[in-house]
Amino acid sequence: MEPERIVFPADYPIKVVARASADVRARLDAVFARHFGEFEPARVTERASAQSNFVALTYLMRVQAEAQLGALHSELRAEDGVMLVL
């Protein structure tokens, strides 16, 4: 059985786990804005780790195509302090 394919455009959650820093949210928001344009801050949830060393941000974005996700993931992985992109 084939895995279910995503039909684009679609609202798609993208989770980023990064080292906590004063500017991490602003830097990640800038990456997402380059790929999606301006977006509502309410489309992002943020959760700190128990020791506040890391932060998990989930962006619910309207993705137009799989290629858009690929380009975003590449840029996020290259961002300083990013540990994981799901």
PDB file of N, CA and C in Angstrom:
ATOM      1  N   MET A   1       0.850  -1.191   0.000  1.00  0.00           N
ATOM      2  CA  MET A   1       0.000   0.000   0.000  1.00  0.00           C
ATOM      3  C   MET A   1       0.892   1.250   0.000  1.00  0.00           C
ATOM      4  N   GLU A   2       0.555   2.197  -0.853  1.00  0.00           N
ATOM      5  CA  GLU A   2       1.321   3.428  -0.955  1.00  0.00           C
ATOM      6  C   GLU A   2       0.974   4.386   0.173  1.00  0.00           C
ATOM      7  N   PRO A   3       1.988   5.134   0.680  1.00  0.00           N
ATOM      8  CA  PRO A   3       1.667   6.133   1.708  1.00  0.00           C
ATOM      9  C   PRO A   3       0.754   7.210   1.122  1.00  0.00           C
ATOM     10  N   GLU A   4      -0.050   7.794   1.983  1.00  0.00           N
ATOM     11  CA  GLU A   4      -0.973   8.843   1.551  1.00  0.00           C
ATOM     12  C   GLU A   4      -0.188  10.059   1.067  1.00  0.00           C
ATOM     13  N   ARG A   5      -0.546  10.592  -0.083  1.00  0.00           N
ATOM     14  CA  ARG A   5       0.117  11.764  -0.647  1.00  0.00           C
ATOM     15  C   ARG A   5      -0.598  13.032  -0.187  1.00  0.00           C
ATOM     16  N   ILE A   6       0.178  14.059   0.022  1.00  0.00           N
ATOM     17  CA  ILE A   6      -0.394  15.351   0.389  1.00  0.00           C
ATOM     18  C   ILE A   6      -0.849  16.034  -0.893  1.00  0.00           C
ATOM     19  N   VAL A   7      -2.043  16.561  -0.878  1.00  0.00           N
ATOM     20  CA  VAL A   7      -2.571  17.299  -2.026  1.00  0.00           C
ATOM     21  C   VAL A   7      -2.350  18.784  -1.751  1.00  0.00           C
ATOM     22  N   PHE A   8      -1.559  19.416  -2.610  1.00  0.00           N
ATOM     23  CA  PHE A   8      -1.252  20.845  -2.442  1.00  0.00           C
ATOM     24  C   PHE A   8      -2.196  21.675  -3.289  1.00  0.00           C
ATOM     25  N   PRO A   9      -2.508  22.904  -2.896  1.00  0.00           N
ATOM     26  CA  PRO A   9      -2.069  23.572  -1.670  1.00  0.00           C
ATOM     27  C   PRO A   9      -2.743  22.970  -0.435  1.00  0.00           C
ATOM     28  N   ALA A  10      -2.025  23.066   0.702  1.00  0.00           N
ATOM     29  CA  ALA A  10      -2.539  22.503   1.954  1.00  0.00           C
ATOM     30  C   ALA A  10      -1.946  23.250   3.143  1.00  0.00           C
ATOM     31  N   ASP A  11      -2.731  23.348   4.209  1.00  0.00           N
ATOM     32  CA  ASP A  11      -2.183  23.840   5.473  1.00  0.00           C
ATOM     33  C   ASP A  11      -1.319  22.723   6.023  1.00  0.00           C
ATOM     34  N   TYR A  12      -0.067  23.038   6.343  1.00  0.00           N
ATOM     35  CA  TYR A  12       0.905  22.009   6.686  1.00  0.00           C
ATOM     36  C   TYR A  12       1.694  22.456   7.911  1.00  0.00           C
ATOM     37  N   PRO A  13       1.723  21.630   8.968  1.00  0.00           N
ATOM     38  CA  PRO A  13       2.494  22.009  10.157  1.00  0.00           C
ATOM     39  C   PRO A  13       3.976  21.674   9.969  1.00  0.00           C
ATOM     40  N   ILE A  14       4.833  22.625  10.275  1.00  0.00           N
ATOM     41  CA  ILE A  14       6.279  22.442  10.178  1.00  0.00           C
ATOM     42  C   ILE A  14       6.863  22.750  11.548  1.00  0.00           C
ATOM     43  N   LYS A  15       7.484  21.747  12.161  1.00  0.00           N
ATOM     44  CA  LYS A  15       8.036  21.908  13.499  1.00  0.00           C
ATOM     45  C   LYS A  15       9.538  22.090  13.415  1.00  0.00           C
ATOM     46  N   VAL A  16      10.041  23.074  14.154  1.00  0.00           N
ATOM     47  CA  VAL A  16      11.465  23.364  14.208  1.00  0.00           C
ATOM     48  C   VAL A  16      11.889  23.342  15.666  1.00  0.00           C
ATOM     49  N   VAL A  17      12.916  22.549  15.975  1.00  0.00           N
ATOM     50  CA  VAL A  17      13.488  22.519  17.318  1.00  0.00           C
ATOM     51  C   VAL A  17      14.853  23.177  17.225  1.00  0.00           C
ATOM     52  N   ALA A  18      15.071  24.187  18.075  1.00  0.00           N
ATOM     53  CA  ALA A  18      16.319  24.955  18.021  1.00  0.00           C
ATOM     54  C   ALA A  18      16.814  25.263  19.424  1.00  0.00           C
ATOM     55  N   ARG A  19      18.090  25.602  19.506  1.00  0.00           N
ATOM     56  CA  ARG A  19      18.640  26.068  20.779  1.00  0.00           C
ATOM     57  C   ARG A  19      17.964  27.403  21.112  1.00  0.00           C
ATOM     58  N   ALA A  20      17.594  27.558  22.360  1.00  0.00           N
ATOM     59  CA  ALA A  20      16.945  28.798  22.783  1.00  0.00           C
ATOM     60  C   ALA A  20      17.952  29.949  22.726  1.00  0.00           C
ATOM     61  N   SER A  21      17.506  31.077  22.202  1.00  0.00           N
ATOM     62  CA  SER A  21      18.310  32.302  22.187  1.00  0.00           C
ATOM     63  C   SER A  21      17.339  33.473  22.073  1.00  0.00           C
ATOM     64  N   ALA A  22      17.855  34.650  22.356  1.00  0.00           N
ATOM     65  CA  ALA A  22      17.005  35.842  22.346  1.00  0.00           C
ATOM     66  C   ALA A  22      16.408  36.123  20.967  1.00  0.00           C
ATOM     67  N   ASP A  23      17.114  35.734  19.898  1.00  0.00           N
ATOM     68  CA  ASP A  23      16.653  36.088  18.563  1.00  0.00           C
ATOM     69  C   ASP A  23      16.175  34.908  17.720  1.00  0.00           C
ATOM     70  N   VAL A  24      16.062  33.725  18.302  1.00  0.00           N
ATOM     71  CA  VAL A  24      15.724  32.545  17.500  1.00  0.00           C
ATOM     72  C   VAL A  24      14.370  32.689  16.809  1.00  0.00           C
ATOM     73  N   ARG A  25      13.371  33.182  17.502  1.00  0.00           N
ATOM     74  CA  ARG A  25      12.039  33.323  16.892  1.00  0.00           C
ATOM     75  C   ARG A  25      12.078  34.289  15.717  1.00  0.00           C
ATOM     76  N   ALA A  26      12.742  35.415  15.888  1.00  0.00           N
ATOM     77  CA  ALA A  26      12.821  36.413  14.815  1.00  0.00           C
ATOM     78  C   ALA A  26      13.566  35.847  13.603  1.00  0.00           C
ATOM     79  N   ARG A  27      14.643  35.109  13.833  1.00  0.00           N
ATOM     80  CA  ARG A  27      15.405  34.537  12.721  1.00  0.00           C
ATOM     81  C   ARG A  27      14.588  33.492  11.970  1.00  0.00           C
ATOM     82  N   LEU A  28      13.881  32.634  12.707  1.00  0.00           N
ATOM     83  CA  LEU A  28      13.065  31.610  12.054  1.00  0.00           C
ATOM     84  C   LEU A  28      11.869  32.232  11.346  1.00  0.00           C
ATOM     85  N   ASP A  29      11.233  33.227  11.977  1.00  0.00           N
ATOM     86  CA  ASP A  29      10.127  33.930  11.316  1.00  0.00           C
ATOM     87  C   ASP A  29      10.589  34.523   9.985  1.00  0.00           C
ATOM     88  N   ALA A  30      11.818  35.053   9.949  1.00  0.00           N
ATOM     89  CA  ALA A  30      12.349  35.657   8.718  1.00  0.00           C
ATOM     90  C   ALA A  30      12.519  34.597   7.634  1.00  0.00           C
ATOM     91  N   VAL A  31      12.978  33.406   8.005  1.00  0.00           N
ATOM     92  CA  VAL A  31      13.125  32.316   7.028  1.00  0.00           C
ATOM     93  C   VAL A  31      11.755  31.956   6.460  1.00  0.00           C
ATOM     94  N   PHE A  32      10.764  31.788   7.342  1.00  0.00           N
ATOM     95  CA  PHE A  32       9.424  31.435   6.874  1.00  0.00           C
ATOM     96  C   PHE A  32       8.835  32.537   6.013  1.00  0.00           C
ATOM     97  N   ALA A  33       9.074  33.804   6.358  1.00  0.00           N
ATOM     98  CA  ALA A  33       8.550  34.923   5.565  1.00  0.00           C
ATOM     99  C   ALA A  33       9.159  34.929   4.160  1.00  0.00           C
ATOM    100  N   ARG A  34      10.414  34.526   4.032  1.00  0.00           N
ATOM    101  CA  ARG A  34      11.043  34.463   2.701  1.00  0.00           C
ATOM    102  C   ARG A  34      10.353  33.415   1.822  1.00  0.00           C
ATOM    103  N   HIS A  35       9.848  32.361   2.431  1.00  0.00           N
ATOM    104  CA  HIS A  35       9.237  31.279   1.660  1.00  0.00           C
ATOM    105  C   HIS A  35       7.719  31.399   1.516  1.00  0.00           C
ATOM    106  N   PHE A  36       7.078  32.104   2.463  1.00  0.00           N
ATOM    107  CA  PHE A  36       5.610  32.161   2.469  1.00  0.00           C
ATOM    108  C   PHE A  36       5.059  33.574   2.446  1.00  0.00           C
ATOM    109  N   GLY A  37       5.899  34.583   2.512  1.00  0.00           N
ATOM    110  CA  GLY A  37       5.414  35.956   2.632  1.00  0.00           C
ATOM    111  C   GLY A  37       4.994  36.219   4.074  1.00  0.00           C
ATOM    112  N   GLU A  38       4.403  37.370   4.287  1.00  0.00           N
ATOM    113  CA  GLU A  38       3.963  37.716   5.640  1.00  0.00           C
ATOM    114  C   GLU A  38       2.905  36.720   6.110  1.00  0.00           C
ATOM    115  N   PHE A  39       2.923  36.412   7.405  1.00  0.00           N
ATOM    116  CA  PHE A  39       1.952  35.477   7.964  1.00  0.00           C
ATOM    117  C   PHE A  39       1.546  35.932   9.358  1.00  0.00           C
ATOM    118  N   GLU A  40       0.405  35.444   9.797  1.00  0.00           N
ATOM    119  CA  GLU A  40      -0.135  35.793  11.118  1.00  0.00           C
ATOM    120  C   GLU A  40       0.696  35.143  12.213  1.00  0.00           C
ATOM    121  N   PRO A  41       1.121  35.895  13.224  1.00  0.00           N
ATOM    122  CA  PRO A  41       1.856  35.306  14.344  1.00  0.00           C
ATOM    123  C   PRO A  41       1.064  34.187  15.039  1.00  0.00           C
ATOM    124  N   ALA A  42      -0.259  34.241  14.950  1.00  0.00           N
ATOM    125  CA  ALA A  42      -1.103  33.221  15.582  1.00  0.00           C
ATOM    126  C   ALA A  42      -0.940  31.852  14.908  1.00  0.00           C
ATOM    127  N   ARG A  43      -0.310  31.808  13.728  1.00  0.00           N
ATOM    128  CA  ARG A  43      -0.084  30.534  13.031  1.00  0.00           C
ATOM    129  C   ARG A  43       1.155  29.809  13.553  1.00  0.00           C
ATOM    130  N   VAL A  44       1.750  30.355  14.625  1.00  0.00           N
ATOM    131  CA  VAL A  44       2.957  29.763  15.199  1.00  0.00           C
ATOM    132  C   VAL A  44       2.724  29.479  16.683  1.00  0.00           C
ATOM    133  N   THR A  45       3.042  28.258  17.105  1.00  0.00           N
ATOM    134  CA  THR A  45       3.018  27.939  18.527  1.00  0.00           C
ATOM    135  C   THR A  45       4.456  27.699  18.971  1.00  0.00           C
ATOM    136  N   GLU A  46       4.725  28.052  20.214  1.00  0.00           N
ATOM    137  CA  GLU A  46       6.081  27.985  20.736  1.00  0.00           C
ATOM    138  C   GLU A  46       6.058  27.305  22.096  1.00  0.00           C
ATOM    139  N   ARG A  47       7.015  26.389  22.291  1.00  0.00           N
ATOM    140  CA  ARG A  47       7.097  25.689  23.572  1.00  0.00           C
ATOM    141  C   ARG A  47       8.560  25.516  23.957  1.00  0.00           C
ATOM    142  N   ALA A  48       8.912  25.934  25.167  1.00  0.00           N
ATOM    143  CA  ALA A  48      10.283  25.781  25.660  1.00  0.00           C
ATOM    144  C   ALA A  48      10.456  24.400  26.277  1.00  0.00           C
ATOM    145  N   SER A  49      11.687  23.890  26.232  1.00  0.00           N
ATOM    146  CA  SER A  49      11.990  22.610  26.875  1.00  0.00           C
ATOM    147  C   SER A  49      11.963  22.795  28.392  1.00  0.00           C
ATOM    148  N   ALA A  50      12.001  21.690  29.118  1.00  0.00           N
ATOM    149  CA  ALA A  50      11.916  21.735  30.589  1.00  0.00           C
ATOM    150  C   ALA A  50      13.005  22.622  31.194  1.00  0.00           C
ATOM    151  N   GLN A  51      14.201  22.559  30.656  1.00  0.00           N
ATOM    152  CA  GLN A  51      15.314  23.367  31.172  1.00  0.00           C
ATOM    153  C   GLN A  51      15.466  24.698  30.426  1.00  0.00           C
ATOM    154  N   SER A  52      14.586  24.959  29.481  1.00  0.00           N
ATOM    155  CA  SER A  52      14.608  26.172  28.645  1.00  0.00           C
ATOM    156  C   SER A  52      15.880  26.301  27.802  1.00  0.00           C
ATOM    157  N   ASN A  53      16.528  25.166  27.511  1.00  0.00           N
ATOM    158  CA  ASN A  53      17.704  25.196  26.631  1.00  0.00           C
ATOM    159  C   ASN A  53      17.307  25.161  25.167  1.00  0.00           C
ATOM    160  N   PHE A  54      16.124  24.618  24.888  1.00  0.00           N
ATOM    161  CA  PHE A  54      15.647  24.465  23.524  1.00  0.00           C
ATOM    162  C   PHE A  54      14.239  25.025  23.419  1.00  0.00           C
ATOM    163  N   VAL A  55      13.843  25.320  22.192  1.00  0.00           N
ATOM    164  CA  VAL A  55      12.496  25.783  21.929  1.00  0.00           C
ATOM    165  C   VAL A  55      11.961  25.020  20.714  1.00  0.00           C
ATOM    166  N   ALA A  56      10.702  24.620  20.796  1.00  0.00           N
ATOM    167  CA  ALA A  56      10.031  23.962  19.674  1.00  0.00           C
ATOM    168  C   ALA A  56       8.989  24.929  19.132  1.00  0.00           C
ATOM    169  N   LEU A  57       9.106  25.249  17.859  1.00  0.00           N
ATOM    170  CA  LEU A  57       8.161  26.150  17.201  1.00  0.00           C
ATOM    171  C   LEU A  57       7.444  25.368  16.112  1.00  0.00           C
ATOM    172  N   THR A  58       6.123  25.453  16.094  1.00  0.00           N
ATOM    173  CA  THR A  58       5.342  24.807  15.046  1.00  0.00           C
ATOM    174  C   THR A  58       4.646  25.891  14.232  1.00  0.00           C
ATOM    175  N   TYR A  59       4.978  25.919  12.949  1.00  0.00           N
ATOM    176  CA  TYR A  59       4.404  26.889  12.007  1.00  0.00           C
ATOM    177  C   TYR A  59       3.350  26.161  11.180  1.00  0.00           C
ATOM    178  N   LEU A  60       2.134  26.667  11.158  1.00  0.00           N
ATOM    179  CA  LEU A  60       1.081  26.098  10.320  1.00  0.00           C
ATOM    180  C   LEU A  60       0.966  26.986   9.078  1.00  0.00           C
ATOM    181  N   MET A  61       1.576  26.519   7.985  1.00  0.00           N
ATOM    182  CA  MET A  61       1.685  27.346   6.787  1.00  0.00           C
ATOM    183  C   MET A  61       0.865  26.761   5.642  1.00  0.00           C
ATOM    184  N   ARG A  62       0.445  27.622   4.743  1.00  0.00           N
ATOM    185  CA  ARG A  62      -0.255  27.206   3.525  1.00  0.00           C
ATOM    186  C   ARG A  62       0.813  26.916   2.477  1.00  0.00           C
ATOM    187  N   VAL A  63       1.079  25.639   2.252  1.00  0.00           N
ATOM    188  CA  VAL A  63       2.127  25.210   1.336  1.00  0.00           C
ATOM    189  C   VAL A  63       1.516  24.997  -0.054  1.00  0.00           C
ATOM    190  N   GLN A  64       2.161  25.560  -1.068  1.00  0.00           N
ATOM    191  CA  GLN A  64       1.646  25.486  -2.436  1.00  0.00           C
ATOM    192  C   GLN A  64       2.143  24.261  -3.199  1.00  0.00           C
ATOM    193  N   ALA A  65       3.359  23.789  -2.883  1.00  0.00           N
ATOM    194  CA  ALA A  65       3.941  22.661  -3.622  1.00  0.00           C
ATOM    195  C   ALA A  65       5.032  22.003  -2.792  1.00  0.00           C
ATOM    196  N   GLU A  66       5.316  20.757  -3.107  1.00  0.00           N
ATOM    197  CA  GLU A  66       6.346  20.008  -2.386  1.00  0.00           C
ATOM    198  C   GLU A  66       7.714  20.687  -2.493  1.00  0.00           C
ATOM    199  N   ALA A  67       8.001  21.286  -3.635  1.00  0.00           N
ATOM    200  CA  ALA A  67       9.288  21.972  -3.833  1.00  0.00           C
ATOM    201  C   ALA A  67       9.457  23.121  -2.833  1.00  0.00           C
ATOM    202  N   GLN A  68       8.372  23.780  -2.484  1.00  0.00           N
ATOM    203  CA  GLN A  68       8.415  24.865  -1.510  1.00  0.00           C
ATOM    204  C   GLN A  68       8.881  24.326  -0.158  1.00  0.00           C
ATOM    205  N   LEU A  69       8.396  23.152   0.224  1.00  0.00           N
ATOM    206  CA  LEU A  69       8.821  22.523   1.474  1.00  0.00           C
ATOM    207  C   LEU A  69      10.301  22.156   1.436  1.00  0.00           C
ATOM    208  N   GLY A  70      10.755  21.618   0.315  1.00  0.00           N
ATOM    209  CA  GLY A  70      12.155  21.232   0.185  1.00  0.00           C
ATOM    210  C   GLY A  70      13.090  22.411   0.357  1.00  0.00           C
ATOM    211  N   ALA A  71      12.779  23.510  -0.297  1.00  0.00           N
ATOM    212  CA  ALA A  71      13.609  24.715  -0.194  1.00  0.00           C
ATOM    213  C   ALA A  71      13.604  25.258   1.233  1.00  0.00           C
ATOM    214  N   LEU A  72      12.445  25.261   1.869  1.00  0.00           N
ATOM    215  CA  LEU A  72      12.331  25.731   3.257  1.00  0.00           C
ATOM    216  C   LEU A  72      13.175  24.858   4.175  1.00  0.00           C
ATOM    217  N   HIS A  73      13.038  23.534   4.063  1.00  0.00           N
ATOM    218  CA  HIS A  73      13.779  22.618   4.924  1.00  0.00           C
ATOM    219  C   HIS A  73      15.286  22.811   4.767  1.00  0.00           C
ATOM    220  N   SER A  74      15.753  22.996   3.551  1.00  0.00           N
ATOM    221  CA  SER A  74      17.188  23.218   3.319  1.00  0.00           C
ATOM    222  C   SER A  74      17.674  24.469   4.032  1.00  0.00           C
ATOM    223  N   GLU A  75      16.921  25.539   3.918  1.00  0.00           N
ATOM    224  CA  GLU A  75      17.333  26.797   4.557  1.00  0.00           C
ATOM    225  C   GLU A  75      17.258  26.685   6.081  1.00  0.00           C
ATOM    226  N   LEU A  76      16.226  26.033   6.593  1.00  0.00           N
ATOM    227  CA  LEU A  76      16.100  25.886   8.049  1.00  0.00           C
ATOM    228  C   LEU A  76      17.246  25.058   8.620  1.00  0.00           C
ATOM    229  N   ARG A  77      17.606  23.962   7.952  1.00  0.00           N
ATOM    230  CA  ARG A  77      18.688  23.103   8.455  1.00  0.00           C
ATOM    231  C   ARG A  77      20.021  23.844   8.488  1.00  0.00           C
ATOM    232  N   ALA A  78      20.188  24.819   7.621  1.00  0.00           N
ATOM    233  CA  ALA A  78      21.433  25.592   7.579  1.00  0.00           C
ATOM    234  C   ALA A  78      21.459  26.722   8.621  1.00  0.00           C
ATOM    235  N   GLU A  79      20.331  27.008   9.230  1.00  0.00           N
ATOM    236  CA  GLU A  79      20.204  28.101  10.200  1.00  0.00           C
ATOM    237  C   GLU A  79      20.923  27.711  11.499  1.00  0.00           C
ATOM    238  N   ASP A  80      21.725  28.629  12.023  1.00  0.00           N
ATOM    239  CA  ASP A  80      22.485  28.394  13.253  1.00  0.00           C
ATOM    240  C   ASP A  80      21.545  28.054  14.417  1.00  0.00           C
ATOM    241  N   GLY A  81      21.847  26.979  15.127  1.00  0.00           N
ATOM    242  CA  GLY A  81      21.080  26.590  16.302  1.00  0.00           C
ATOM    243  C   GLY A  81      19.922  25.661  16.042  1.00  0.00           C
ATOM    244  N   VAL A  82      19.561  25.440  14.776  1.00  0.00           N
ATOM    245  CA  VAL A  82      18.439  24.532  14.466  1.00  0.00           C
ATOM    246  C   VAL A  82      18.920  23.093  14.625  1.00  0.00           C
ATOM    247  N   MET A  83      18.191  22.335  15.445  1.00  0.00           N
ATOM    248  CA  MET A  83      18.562  20.958  15.728  1.00  0.00           C
ATOM    249  C   MET A  83      17.764  19.967  14.880  1.00  0.00           C
ATOM    250  N   LEU A  84      16.493  20.293  14.619  1.00  0.00           N
ATOM    251  CA  LEU A  84      15.583  19.342  13.978  1.00  0.00           C
ATOM    252  C   LEU A  84      14.495  20.094  13.227  1.00  0.00           C
ATOM    253  N   VAL A  85      14.152  19.584  12.033  1.00  0.00           N
ATOM    254  CA  VAL A  85      13.035  20.136  11.257  1.00  0.00           C
ATOM    255  C   VAL A  85      12.137  18.963  10.889  1.00  0.00           C
ATOM    256  N   LEU A  86      10.886  19.033  11.280  1.00  0.00           N
ATOM    257  CA  LEU A  86       9.912  17.970  10.972  1.00  0.00           C
ATOM    258  C   LEU A  86       8.764  18.550  10.166  1.00  0.00           C
TER     259      LEU A  86
END
